[in-house]
Amino acid sequence: QVNVVESGGGLVQPGGSLRLSCAASGMIFHIHAMGWYRQAPGAQRELVALARDRGITEYADSVKGRFTISRDNDKNRVYLQMNSLKPEDTAVYYCYVDQGPIDGEYWGQGTQVTVSS
C-alpha cells in the first residue's frame, strides 16, 4: 500500500500564489510519474501538471506559464508552485502517483484551493 498526503491548500486572492506539496510513502518501488489533478464542483477531474521520469513534464494549457511542477525523487515528493492564481483555479487538488500497471496508481485525499477576493 502507498500513502499519498497533500498539503498547502487554502484561500488566496486573485493574483496570489500557493505552493502545494505531496509526499508518497509505504511500498514504493519505482514511481514513473507524480503529479496533480484538480476537480471543481460539477466538473470532471482534470490533469493540472505531471512530472514523469527523465524530467519530462506536462501541463494543462490553462496553467502553462503560471504553475510549475517539481519532483524530488529521493524523497518521493512532488510540488506545485501556483502563481497568478485565478478564480477558475478554485478546485480540490489531488496528488497522483503512478508506479505502473503492476504496482498501481494512487491518489491523495485532496486539498482545497480557493481563489477569491
N, C-alpha and C. Protein backbone atom coordinates (compact mmCIF):
# COMPACT_ATOMS: atom_id res chain seq x y z
N GLN A 1 0.84 -1.19 0.00
CA GLN A 1 0.00 0.00 0.00
C GLN A 1 0.89 1.25 0.00
N VAL A 2 0.42 2.27 -0.68
CA VAL A 2 1.14 3.55 -0.76
C VAL A 2 0.25 4.63 -0.17
N ASN A 3 0.80 5.41 0.72
CA ASN A 3 0.10 6.55 1.28
C ASN A 3 0.51 7.81 0.55
N VAL A 4 -0.47 8.63 0.19
CA VAL A 4 -0.21 9.87 -0.53
C VAL A 4 -0.88 10.99 0.25
N VAL A 5 -0.09 11.97 0.66
CA VAL A 5 -0.60 13.04 1.50
C VAL A 5 -0.25 14.38 0.91
N GLU A 6 -1.28 15.21 0.68
CA GLU A 6 -1.07 16.56 0.16
C GLU A 6 -1.13 17.57 1.30
N SER A 7 -0.54 18.72 1.04
CA SER A 7 -0.65 19.85 1.96
C SER A 7 -0.45 21.13 1.17
N GLY A 8 -0.86 22.25 1.77
CA GLY A 8 -0.58 23.54 1.16
C GLY A 8 -1.76 24.27 0.56
N GLY A 9 -2.92 23.67 0.56
CA GLY A 9 -4.08 24.38 0.01
C GLY A 9 -4.52 25.51 0.92
N GLY A 10 -5.52 26.26 0.44
CA GLY A 10 -6.04 27.35 1.25
C GLY A 10 -6.78 28.36 0.42
N LEU A 11 -7.03 29.50 1.05
CA LEU A 11 -7.73 30.61 0.41
C LEU A 11 -6.72 31.68 0.02
N VAL A 12 -6.80 32.13 -1.21
CA VAL A 12 -5.87 33.16 -1.70
C VAL A 12 -6.63 34.11 -2.61
N GLN A 13 -6.19 35.35 -2.65
CA GLN A 13 -6.82 36.33 -3.53
C GLN A 13 -6.37 36.14 -4.97
N PRO A 14 -7.17 36.58 -5.92
CA PRO A 14 -6.74 36.52 -7.33
C PRO A 14 -5.40 37.22 -7.50
N GLY A 15 -4.54 36.59 -8.29
CA GLY A 15 -3.19 37.11 -8.49
C GLY A 15 -2.18 36.60 -7.49
N GLY A 16 -2.64 35.93 -6.46
CA GLY A 16 -1.74 35.42 -5.43
C GLY A 16 -1.10 34.10 -5.80
N SER A 17 -0.35 33.57 -4.83
CA SER A 17 0.39 32.33 -5.05
C SER A 17 0.14 31.34 -3.92
N LEU A 18 0.27 30.08 -4.27
CA LEU A 18 0.23 28.99 -3.29
C LEU A 18 1.20 27.91 -3.76
N ARG A 19 1.70 27.13 -2.80
CA ARG A 19 2.57 26.01 -3.13
C ARG A 19 2.00 24.76 -2.50
N LEU A 20 1.68 23.80 -3.33
CA LEU A 20 1.18 22.52 -2.86
C LEU A 20 2.34 21.53 -2.75
N SER A 21 2.26 20.69 -1.74
CA SER A 21 3.25 19.63 -1.55
C SER A 21 2.56 18.29 -1.45
N CYS A 22 3.26 17.26 -1.87
CA CYS A 22 2.71 15.92 -1.79
C CYS A 22 3.85 14.95 -1.47
N ALA A 23 3.59 14.05 -0.54
CA ALA A 23 4.57 13.05 -0.16
C ALA A 23 3.97 11.66 -0.29
N ALA A 24 4.71 10.77 -0.93
CA ALA A 24 4.30 9.37 -1.05
C ALA A 24 5.17 8.53 -0.15
N SER A 25 4.54 7.57 0.53
CA SER A 25 5.29 6.69 1.42
C SER A 25 4.66 5.30 1.40
N GLY A 26 5.39 4.35 1.97
CA GLY A 26 4.89 2.98 2.01
C GLY A 26 5.64 2.11 1.03
N MET A 27 4.91 1.29 0.28
CA MET A 27 5.51 0.33 -0.64
C MET A 27 5.85 1.02 -1.97
N ILE A 28 6.93 1.78 -1.91
CA ILE A 28 7.40 2.50 -3.09
C ILE A 28 8.45 1.64 -3.79
N PHE A 29 8.24 1.34 -5.07
CA PHE A 29 9.21 0.58 -5.85
C PHE A 29 9.86 1.48 -6.88
N HIS A 30 9.10 1.90 -7.85
CA HIS A 30 9.60 2.89 -8.81
C HIS A 30 8.42 3.75 -9.24
N ILE A 31 8.55 5.04 -8.98
CA ILE A 31 7.48 5.96 -9.37
C ILE A 31 7.77 6.46 -10.78
N HIS A 32 6.89 6.13 -11.69
CA HIS A 32 7.07 6.56 -13.08
C HIS A 32 6.67 8.02 -13.27
N ALA A 33 5.65 8.44 -12.51
CA ALA A 33 5.17 9.81 -12.63
C ALA A 33 4.48 10.22 -11.33
N MET A 34 4.61 11.49 -11.04
CA MET A 34 3.87 12.10 -9.93
C MET A 34 3.29 13.39 -10.47
N GLY A 35 2.11 13.74 -9.97
CA GLY A 35 1.55 14.98 -10.48
C GLY A 35 0.30 15.40 -9.75
N TRP A 36 -0.39 16.32 -10.38
CA TRP A 36 -1.56 16.95 -9.78
C TRP A 36 -2.73 16.97 -10.74
N TYR A 37 -3.88 16.61 -10.21
CA TYR A 37 -5.15 16.76 -10.90
C TYR A 37 -6.02 17.67 -10.04
N ARG A 38 -7.07 18.20 -10.63
CA ARG A 38 -8.00 19.01 -9.85
C ARG A 38 -9.43 18.74 -10.30
N GLN A 39 -10.35 19.01 -9.38
CA GLN A 39 -11.76 18.82 -9.67
C GLN A 39 -12.55 19.96 -9.05
N ALA A 40 -13.18 20.73 -9.91
CA ALA A 40 -14.05 21.81 -9.47
C ALA A 40 -15.47 21.26 -9.30
N PRO A 41 -16.30 21.95 -8.53
CA PRO A 41 -17.68 21.48 -8.33
C PRO A 41 -18.41 21.32 -9.66
N GLY A 42 -19.03 20.16 -9.85
CA GLY A 42 -19.80 19.91 -11.07
C GLY A 42 -18.97 19.59 -12.29
N ALA A 43 -17.66 19.49 -12.13
CA ALA A 43 -16.77 19.25 -13.27
C ALA A 43 -16.05 17.92 -13.10
N GLN A 44 -15.48 17.43 -14.20
CA GLN A 44 -14.68 16.22 -14.12
C GLN A 44 -13.29 16.52 -13.61
N ARG A 45 -12.66 15.50 -13.05
CA ARG A 45 -11.28 15.67 -12.63
C ARG A 45 -10.40 15.85 -13.87
N GLU A 46 -9.48 16.80 -13.80
CA GLU A 46 -8.63 17.11 -14.95
C GLU A 46 -7.17 17.19 -14.55
N LEU A 47 -6.31 16.88 -15.50
CA LEU A 47 -4.88 16.98 -15.27
C LEU A 47 -4.48 18.44 -15.14
N VAL A 48 -3.65 18.73 -14.15
CA VAL A 48 -3.05 20.05 -14.00
C VAL A 48 -1.60 20.01 -14.46
N ALA A 49 -0.82 19.13 -13.87
CA ALA A 49 0.59 19.02 -14.21
C ALA A 49 1.10 17.65 -13.81
N LEU A 50 2.05 17.15 -14.60
CA LEU A 50 2.59 15.83 -14.36
C LEU A 50 4.10 15.85 -14.55
N ALA A 51 4.82 15.20 -13.65
CA ALA A 51 6.27 15.08 -13.77
C ALA A 51 6.62 13.62 -13.97
N ARG A 52 7.08 13.29 -15.16
CA ARG A 52 7.42 11.91 -15.47
C ARG A 52 8.91 11.69 -15.24
N ASP A 53 9.35 10.47 -15.49
CA ASP A 53 10.77 10.17 -15.40
C ASP A 53 11.55 11.01 -16.41
N ARG A 54 12.85 11.13 -16.13
CA ARG A 54 13.78 11.84 -17.03
C ARG A 54 13.45 13.32 -17.15
N GLY A 55 12.75 13.85 -16.14
CA GLY A 55 12.49 15.27 -16.11
C GLY A 55 11.43 15.75 -17.08
N ILE A 56 10.67 14.85 -17.63
CA ILE A 56 9.62 15.24 -18.57
C ILE A 56 8.41 15.75 -17.80
N THR A 57 7.95 16.92 -18.17
CA THR A 57 6.78 17.50 -17.52
C THR A 57 5.72 17.85 -18.55
N GLU A 58 4.49 17.84 -18.11
CA GLU A 58 3.41 18.29 -18.96
C GLU A 58 2.41 19.08 -18.13
N TYR A 59 1.77 20.04 -18.78
CA TYR A 59 0.86 20.95 -18.11
C TYR A 59 -0.44 21.09 -18.91
N ALA A 60 -1.50 21.35 -18.18
CA ALA A 60 -2.73 21.76 -18.84
C ALA A 60 -2.51 23.13 -19.47
N ASP A 61 -3.13 23.36 -20.61
CA ASP A 61 -2.95 24.65 -21.28
C ASP A 61 -3.36 25.81 -20.38
N SER A 62 -4.35 25.59 -19.55
CA SER A 62 -4.89 26.67 -18.72
C SER A 62 -3.92 27.14 -17.63
N VAL A 63 -2.89 26.34 -17.34
CA VAL A 63 -1.96 26.71 -16.27
C VAL A 63 -0.55 26.97 -16.76
N LYS A 64 -0.29 26.75 -18.04
CA LYS A 64 1.06 26.96 -18.57
C LYS A 64 1.51 28.39 -18.36
N GLY A 65 2.73 28.54 -17.88
CA GLY A 65 3.27 29.87 -17.61
C GLY A 65 2.93 30.40 -16.24
N ARG A 66 2.02 29.74 -15.54
CA ARG A 66 1.65 30.19 -14.19
C ARG A 66 2.01 29.17 -13.12
N PHE A 67 1.91 27.90 -13.45
CA PHE A 67 2.18 26.82 -12.50
C PHE A 67 3.49 26.12 -12.87
N THR A 68 4.20 25.68 -11.86
CA THR A 68 5.44 24.92 -12.07
C THR A 68 5.44 23.69 -11.19
N ILE A 69 5.66 22.55 -11.80
CA ILE A 69 5.74 21.30 -11.05
C ILE A 69 7.21 20.93 -10.86
N SER A 70 7.51 20.40 -9.68
CA SER A 70 8.86 19.92 -9.43
C SER A 70 8.76 18.64 -8.61
N ARG A 71 9.76 17.81 -8.76
CA ARG A 71 9.72 16.48 -8.15
C ARG A 71 11.05 16.18 -7.48
N ASP A 72 10.98 15.66 -6.27
CA ASP A 72 12.16 15.22 -5.54
C ASP A 72 12.12 13.70 -5.49
N ASN A 73 12.86 13.06 -6.37
CA ASN A 73 12.80 11.60 -6.47
C ASN A 73 13.35 10.91 -5.23
N ASP A 74 14.34 11.50 -4.60
CA ASP A 74 14.94 10.88 -3.42
C ASP A 74 13.95 10.82 -2.26
N LYS A 75 13.07 11.82 -2.19
CA LYS A 75 12.13 11.90 -1.07
C LYS A 75 10.71 11.49 -1.47
N ASN A 76 10.54 11.10 -2.72
CA ASN A 76 9.20 10.72 -3.22
C ASN A 76 8.19 11.84 -2.97
N ARG A 77 8.61 13.04 -3.33
CA ARG A 77 7.75 14.19 -3.15
C ARG A 77 7.55 14.92 -4.48
N VAL A 78 6.43 15.61 -4.57
CA VAL A 78 6.18 16.46 -5.73
C VAL A 78 5.54 17.76 -5.23
N TYR A 79 5.86 18.83 -5.92
CA TYR A 79 5.40 20.15 -5.52
C TYR A 79 4.72 20.84 -6.71
N LEU A 80 3.81 21.74 -6.38
CA LEU A 80 3.18 22.54 -7.43
C LEU A 80 3.20 23.99 -6.97
N GLN A 81 4.01 24.79 -7.62
CA GLN A 81 4.03 26.22 -7.36
C GLN A 81 3.01 26.88 -8.26
N MET A 82 2.05 27.54 -7.66
CA MET A 82 0.95 28.15 -8.41
C MET A 82 1.03 29.66 -8.24
N ASN A 83 1.26 30.36 -9.32
CA ASN A 83 1.34 31.82 -9.32
C ASN A 83 0.22 32.40 -10.16
N SER A 84 -0.02 33.68 -9.98
CA SER A 84 -1.05 34.39 -10.75
C SER A 84 -2.36 33.62 -10.73
N LEU A 85 -2.78 33.23 -9.55
CA LEU A 85 -3.97 32.40 -9.43
C LEU A 85 -5.22 33.17 -9.84
N LYS A 86 -6.14 32.43 -10.43
CA LYS A 86 -7.40 32.98 -10.91
C LYS A 86 -8.57 32.28 -10.21
N PRO A 87 -9.72 32.92 -10.16
CA PRO A 87 -10.88 32.26 -9.54
C PRO A 87 -11.19 30.91 -10.18
N GLU A 88 -10.93 30.77 -11.46
CA GLU A 88 -11.22 29.49 -12.13
C GLU A 88 -10.24 28.38 -11.74
N ASP A 89 -9.22 28.72 -10.98
CA ASP A 89 -8.33 27.69 -10.45
C ASP A 89 -8.90 27.04 -9.18
N THR A 90 -9.99 27.59 -8.69
CA THR A 90 -10.62 27.03 -7.49
C THR A 90 -11.06 25.60 -7.73
N ALA A 91 -10.59 24.70 -6.88
CA ALA A 91 -10.90 23.28 -7.03
C ALA A 91 -10.26 22.52 -5.87
N VAL A 92 -10.62 21.25 -5.80
CA VAL A 92 -9.87 20.33 -4.93
C VAL A 92 -8.73 19.76 -5.76
N TYR A 93 -7.53 19.86 -5.25
CA TYR A 93 -6.34 19.40 -5.96
C TYR A 93 -5.90 18.06 -5.37
N TYR A 94 -5.71 17.10 -6.26
CA TYR A 94 -5.35 15.75 -5.85
C TYR A 94 -3.95 15.40 -6.35
N CYS A 95 -3.18 14.82 -5.49
CA CYS A 95 -1.86 14.31 -5.88
C CYS A 95 -2.02 12.91 -6.45
N TYR A 96 -1.26 12.63 -7.49
CA TYR A 96 -1.34 11.36 -8.21
C TYR A 96 0.05 10.74 -8.27
N VAL A 97 0.08 9.45 -8.00
CA VAL A 97 1.34 8.71 -8.03
C VAL A 97 1.16 7.47 -8.91
N ASP A 98 2.03 7.33 -9.91
CA ASP A 98 1.93 6.23 -10.86
C ASP A 98 3.16 5.34 -10.72
N GLN A 99 2.92 4.11 -10.28
CA GLN A 99 4.02 3.13 -10.20
C GLN A 99 3.90 2.09 -11.32
N GLY A 100 3.08 2.38 -12.30
CA GLY A 100 2.99 1.48 -13.43
C GLY A 100 1.86 0.47 -13.28
N PRO A 101 1.62 -0.34 -14.32
CA PRO A 101 0.46 -1.24 -14.33
C PRO A 101 0.53 -2.36 -13.29
N ILE A 102 1.70 -2.70 -12.84
CA ILE A 102 1.79 -3.80 -11.87
C ILE A 102 1.67 -3.28 -10.44
N ASP A 103 2.42 -2.23 -10.14
CA ASP A 103 2.44 -1.70 -8.77
C ASP A 103 1.36 -0.68 -8.50
N GLY A 104 0.70 -0.19 -9.52
CA GLY A 104 -0.51 0.58 -9.34
C GLY A 104 -0.40 2.08 -9.32
N GLU A 105 -1.57 2.69 -9.27
CA GLU A 105 -1.72 4.13 -9.19
C GLU A 105 -2.38 4.49 -7.86
N TYR A 106 -2.01 5.65 -7.35
CA TYR A 106 -2.51 6.05 -6.04
C TYR A 106 -2.87 7.53 -6.05
N TRP A 107 -3.84 7.86 -5.21
CA TRP A 107 -4.32 9.23 -5.10
C TRP A 107 -4.28 9.69 -3.65
N GLY A 108 -4.05 10.99 -3.49
CA GLY A 108 -4.19 11.59 -2.18
C GLY A 108 -5.65 11.90 -1.89
N GLN A 109 -5.88 12.43 -0.71
CA GLN A 109 -7.26 12.71 -0.29
C GLN A 109 -7.76 14.04 -0.83
N GLY A 110 -6.87 14.85 -1.34
CA GLY A 110 -7.25 16.14 -1.91
C GLY A 110 -7.05 17.29 -0.95
N THR A 111 -6.72 18.44 -1.51
CA THR A 111 -6.59 19.66 -0.73
C THR A 111 -7.31 20.78 -1.46
N GLN A 112 -8.08 21.55 -0.73
CA GLN A 112 -8.91 22.60 -1.32
C GLN A 112 -8.09 23.85 -1.61
N VAL A 113 -8.23 24.35 -2.82
CA VAL A 113 -7.66 25.64 -3.21
C VAL A 113 -8.81 26.54 -3.62
N THR A 114 -8.93 27.67 -2.96
CA THR A 114 -9.99 28.63 -3.25
C THR A 114 -9.36 29.97 -3.59
N VAL A 115 -9.69 30.48 -4.76
CA VAL A 115 -9.17 31.77 -5.21
C VAL A 115 -10.35 32.75 -5.26
N SER A 116 -10.33 33.68 -4.33
CA SER A 116 -11.47 34.59 -4.21
C SER A 116 -11.05 35.85 -3.49
N SER A 117 -11.69 36.95 -3.86
CA SER A 117 -11.43 38.21 -3.16
C SER A 117 -12.45 38.41 -2.06
